[in-house]
Protein backbone atom coordinates (compact mmCIF):
# COMPACT_ATOMS: atom_id res chain seq x y z
CA MET A 1 9.57 62.14 96.83
CA LYS A 2 11.70 61.99 93.70
CA VAL A 3 11.44 65.76 93.20
CA LYS A 4 12.47 66.36 96.81
CA ASN A 5 15.55 64.17 96.41
CA ASN A 6 16.56 66.11 93.29
CA GLU A 7 16.18 69.35 95.20
CA ASN A 8 18.37 68.03 98.01
CA VAL A 9 21.08 66.96 95.59
CA SER A 10 20.96 70.39 93.94
CA SER A 11 21.31 72.15 97.30
CA ILE A 12 24.25 69.92 98.28
CA GLU A 13 26.00 70.63 95.00
CA LYS A 14 25.50 74.36 95.46
CA ALA A 15 26.82 74.15 99.02
CA PHE A 16 30.00 72.49 97.76
CA GLU A 17 30.34 75.11 95.01
CA ILE A 18 30.17 77.84 97.66
CA LEU A 19 32.80 76.08 99.79
CA GLU A 20 35.05 75.81 96.73
CA VAL A 21 34.71 79.55 96.13
CA LEU A 22 35.77 80.24 99.73
CA ALA A 23 38.80 77.97 99.22
CA ARG A 24 40.16 80.33 96.53
CA PRO A 25 42.13 83.56 97.07
CA PRO A 26 41.41 85.91 98.74
CA TYR A 27 39.61 83.27 100.88
CA GLU A 28 36.89 85.63 102.06
CA TYR A 29 33.83 86.86 100.16
CA ASN A 30 30.56 88.62 100.85
CA VAL A 31 27.23 87.24 99.63
CA SER A 32 27.20 89.26 96.40
CA GLU A 33 30.75 88.21 95.52
CA ILE A 34 29.98 84.54 96.09
CA ALA A 35 26.87 84.82 93.95
CA LYS A 36 28.85 86.42 91.13
CA VAL A 37 31.69 83.88 91.20
CA SER A 38 29.50 80.79 91.64
CA GLY A 39 26.59 81.82 89.41
CA ILE A 40 24.15 80.94 92.20
CA ASN A 41 21.46 83.51 92.90
CA ARG A 42 21.99 85.75 95.90
CA THR A 43 19.00 84.51 97.91
CA THR A 44 20.11 80.89 97.58
CA VAL A 45 23.69 81.81 98.51
CA TYR A 46 22.51 83.56 101.66
CA ARG A 47 20.29 80.61 102.64
CA ILE A 48 23.07 78.05 102.14
CA LEU A 49 25.59 80.21 103.98
CA SER A 50 23.23 80.40 106.94
CA LEU A 51 23.06 76.60 107.04
CA LEU A 52 26.83 76.20 106.66
CA LYS A 53 27.43 78.77 109.37
CA GLY A 54 25.21 76.81 111.74
CA LYS A 55 27.44 73.77 111.20
CA ALA A 56 30.69 75.79 111.56
CA ALA A 57 31.56 75.06 107.93
CA VAL A 58 31.81 78.83 107.35
CA ILE A 59 32.27 81.79 109.65
CA LEU A 60 31.21 85.41 109.17
CA ASP A 61 33.65 88.23 109.86
CA GLU A 62 31.40 90.83 111.45
CA ASP A 63 33.76 93.71 110.63
CA SER A 64 34.09 93.03 106.89
CA ASP A 65 30.73 91.23 106.50
CA LYS A 66 32.57 88.52 104.56
CA TYR A 67 32.46 84.75 104.90
CA LYS A 68 35.44 82.42 105.37
CA LEU A 69 35.88 78.68 105.69
CA GLY A 70 35.12 77.55 109.23
CA PRO A 71 36.70 75.09 111.70
CA LEU A 72 34.57 72.15 110.52
CA ASN A 73 36.73 71.97 107.40
CA TYR A 74 39.88 71.69 109.50
CA SER A 75 38.29 68.95 111.58
CA LEU A 76 37.24 66.97 108.51
CA GLY A 77 40.65 67.50 106.89
CA SER A 78 42.42 66.27 110.02
CA ILE A 79 40.30 63.10 110.01
CA TYR A 80 41.03 62.58 106.33
CA MET A 81 44.76 63.00 106.88
CA GLY A 82 44.64 60.57 109.77
CA ASN A 83 42.74 57.99 107.76
CA ALA A 84 45.00 58.42 104.75
CA ASN A 85 48.15 58.36 106.90
CA TYR A 86 48.98 61.66 105.20
CA GLU A 87 51.45 63.06 107.71
CA ASN A 88 53.38 59.81 108.04
CA ASN A 89 53.62 59.47 104.26
CA LEU A 90 54.72 63.08 103.90
CA LEU A 91 57.44 62.76 106.52
CA LYS A 92 58.57 59.52 104.90
CA LEU A 93 59.13 61.36 101.59
CA LEU A 94 60.96 64.23 103.27
CA LYS A 95 63.23 61.80 105.11
CA GLU A 96 63.89 59.93 101.86
CA LEU A 97 64.86 63.19 100.19
CA ALA A 98 67.14 64.10 103.11
CA GLU A 99 68.81 60.70 102.96
CA LEU A 100 69.37 60.87 99.20
CA SER A 101 70.69 64.42 99.27
CA LYS A 102 72.49 64.05 102.60
CA GLU A 103 71.35 67.60 103.35
CA SER A 104 68.70 69.46 105.37
CA VAL A 105 65.19 69.22 103.94
CA GLY A 106 62.05 71.10 104.89
CA LEU A 107 58.51 71.99 103.90
CA ALA A 108 56.71 75.30 104.33
CA ARG A 109 53.16 76.47 103.67
CA ARG A 110 51.65 79.83 102.84
CA ASP A 111 48.68 80.58 105.04
CA GLY A 112 47.13 83.84 103.86
CA ASP A 113 49.97 86.38 103.72
CA LYS A 114 52.29 84.37 105.97
CA VAL A 115 54.85 81.70 105.06
CA ILE A 116 55.49 79.24 107.88
CA SER A 117 57.79 76.23 108.15
CA LEU A 118 55.87 73.05 108.99
CA TYR A 119 58.48 70.28 108.83
CA GLU A 120 62.27 70.24 109.01
CA VAL A 121 64.52 67.19 108.61
CA GLU A 122 68.00 68.10 109.82
CA SER A 123 71.13 67.63 107.77
CA TYR A 124 73.15 64.44 107.63
CA GLN A 125 76.25 66.69 107.56
CA PRO A 126 78.15 67.59 110.77
CA ASP A 127 77.27 71.29 110.27
CA LYS A 128 73.60 71.75 111.18
CA MET A 129 71.30 74.49 109.87
CA HIS A 130 69.20 74.53 113.05
CA TYR A 131 66.01 75.51 111.18
CA LYS A 132 62.87 75.10 113.28
CA SER A 133 59.29 74.20 112.45
CA GLY A 134 56.92 77.07 113.14
CA THR A 135 59.32 79.75 111.89
CA PHE A 136 57.88 82.51 109.70
CA TYR A 137 59.83 83.38 106.55
CA PRO A 138 60.11 86.74 104.73
CA MET A 139 58.97 87.26 101.16
CA ASN A 140 62.22 88.73 99.82
CA LYS A 141 64.77 86.00 100.54
CA GLY A 142 65.17 82.25 100.95
CA CYS A 143 63.46 79.46 99.05
CA TYR A 144 60.26 79.34 101.08
CA GLY A 145 59.32 83.00 101.01
CA LYS A 146 60.29 83.67 97.39
CA CYS A 147 58.71 80.52 95.99
CA LEU A 148 55.37 80.76 97.78
CA MET A 149 54.96 84.48 97.13
CA ALA A 150 55.85 83.95 93.45
CA TYR A 151 52.67 81.88 93.10
CA TYR A 152 50.45 84.05 95.32
CA ASP A 153 47.88 86.59 94.11
CA PRO A 154 49.93 89.19 92.12
CA GLU A 155 48.03 92.26 93.29
CA ARG A 156 48.17 91.20 96.92
CA VAL A 157 51.89 90.50 96.57
CA LYS A 158 52.55 93.99 95.18
CA THR A 159 50.63 95.55 98.06
CA LEU A 160 52.66 93.57 100.58
CA LEU A 161 55.98 94.30 98.87
CA TYR A 162 55.55 98.07 98.74
CA LYS A 163 54.26 98.51 102.29
CA GLN A 164 57.50 97.38 103.96
CA THR A 165 61.27 97.87 103.73
CA TYR A 166 63.95 95.17 103.59
CA GLU A 167 67.33 94.91 105.24
CA LYS A 168 70.28 93.62 103.21
CA THR A 169 71.44 90.90 105.59
CA CYS A 170 73.71 89.11 103.08
CA SER A 171 75.46 89.88 99.80
CA ASN A 172 72.56 88.62 97.63
CA THR A 173 69.59 89.67 99.75
CA LEU A 174 66.97 91.35 97.56
CA THR A 175 65.69 94.66 98.94
CA ASP A 176 64.15 96.44 95.94
CA PRO A 177 60.46 95.51 95.35
CA GLN A 178 60.85 95.59 91.56
CA GLU A 179 63.84 93.25 91.71
CA ILE A 180 61.86 90.94 93.97
CA LEU A 181 58.97 90.90 91.48
CA GLU A 182 61.41 90.05 88.69
CA GLU A 183 62.77 87.20 90.80
CA TYR A 184 59.22 85.89 91.26
CA GLU A 185 58.78 85.93 87.48
CA ARG A 186 62.00 83.91 87.02
CA ILE A 187 60.80 81.38 89.57
CA ARG A 188 57.49 80.89 87.76
CA LYS A 189 59.29 80.45 84.41
CA GLN A 190 61.88 78.03 85.82
CA GLY A 191 59.46 76.09 88.00
CA TYR A 192 61.93 76.05 90.90
CA VAL A 193 63.82 78.47 93.15
CA HIS A 194 67.43 79.08 94.17
CA SER A 195 68.68 80.99 97.20
CA VAL A 196 72.39 81.80 97.19
CA SER A 197 73.84 83.81 100.09
CA GLU A 198 70.50 85.51 100.81
CA THR A 199 69.75 84.44 104.38
CA GLN A 200 73.25 83.45 105.50
CA GLU A 201 76.40 84.09 103.51
CA TYR A 202 77.46 80.44 103.36
CA VAL A 203 74.02 78.84 102.91
CA ILE A 204 72.58 77.67 99.58
CA GLY A 205 68.95 76.65 99.05
CA VAL A 206 67.09 74.84 96.29
CA GLY A 207 63.29 74.68 96.40
CA ALA A 208 60.28 73.62 94.38
CA PRO A 209 56.57 74.47 94.50
CA VAL A 210 54.03 71.73 95.18
CA PHE A 211 51.14 72.16 92.76
CA GLU A 212 47.58 71.37 93.78
CA SER A 213 45.03 69.91 91.36
CA LYS A 214 43.82 73.35 90.20
CA GLY A 215 47.30 74.79 89.78
CA GLN A 216 47.46 76.57 93.13
CA VAL A 217 50.68 76.59 95.14
CA ARG A 218 50.59 76.83 98.91
CA ILE A 219 53.44 74.44 99.74
CA CYS A 220 57.15 74.57 98.99
CA ILE A 221 59.81 71.96 99.73
CA ALA A 222 63.46 72.97 99.94
CA ILE A 223 66.96 71.61 100.48
CA SER A 224 69.68 73.70 102.11
CA PHE A 225 73.41 73.05 102.24
CA ILE A 226 76.72 74.70 103.00
CA LYS A 227 78.33 76.57 100.12
CA ALA A 228 81.40 74.94 98.52
CA ASP A 229 83.33 75.31 95.27
CA ASP A 230 81.02 72.92 93.38
CA PHE A 231 77.77 74.50 94.65
CA GLU A 232 76.42 75.34 91.16
CA GLU A 233 76.70 71.72 90.00
CA LYS A 234 75.15 70.58 93.26
CA MET A 235 72.22 72.99 92.85
CA GLU A 236 71.51 71.49 89.42
CA TRP A 237 71.49 67.94 90.74
CA LEU A 238 69.40 68.80 93.81
CA GLY A 239 66.99 70.77 91.63
CA GLN A 240 66.15 67.69 89.58
CA LEU A 241 65.81 65.60 92.72
CA ILE A 242 63.53 68.03 94.51
CA LEU A 243 61.24 68.44 91.49
CA LYS A 244 60.65 64.69 91.52
CA TYR A 245 59.69 64.76 95.19
CA SER A 246 57.45 67.80 94.79
CA LEU A 247 55.35 65.71 92.37
CA GLU A 248 55.16 62.87 94.86
CA ILE A 249 54.05 65.20 97.65
CA SER A 250 51.41 66.72 95.36
CA LYS A 251 49.83 63.27 95.05
CA LEU A 252 49.48 63.08 98.83
CA LEU A 253 47.54 66.31 99.22
CA PRO A 254 44.04 65.87 100.64
CA ARG A 255 41.33 66.78 98.15
CA SER A 256 40.22 69.64 100.37
CA ALA A 257 43.68 71.18 100.00
CA ARG A 258 43.42 70.99 96.22
CA MET A 259 40.27 73.06 95.79
């Protein structure tokens, strides 16, 4: 019986190792790739994947013959967030930040190649930004798109950058892929992002990445405000404020989001 228990523990550990592999970019792997990354032999990987697939913990893309995390993980994560009061705590922090800054505050997430706004707390100022949750953001302008792509897989980012063209919608909108890559490098060195007259001529943005436990970045928080004469001083102050709140939000992340 003791040997059997040890075998079960070993299998469970290997199953979690495989799930952790699938939680890393590019978020889809075939059996051989999982075996190589995890160090688990191919036969064992296939057997565990078959079990996980039966429980909807992983799904198999028939076209690519690669495995991805399945809907069970979303279900478990939703329960965790509910038990931990995650969403309420997150919104509380965003509202605190909006109240302190007296400006519009929001949070976006990168899901695969897409950057989508999840939460927006409207400005305390009479002039509203009218940003909406559920909006997709481009990778060449604005705090959300630039910040989250700056911390995405470099090779994938280059592929995405060079397969499309960009319209110069404002005076500072970046349209050259090389200039965009250089901007990403500045963001990583600074640890924060600025957007000045990139999306709208009179709109300024200050954003910060939210780091997960293994250094990944899939979330960005940002503050936007109307441009005035003192906007550079204001960006500096808001930058320090938003970095503090990005650390607080990082502490709220469910463990599954940190893998």
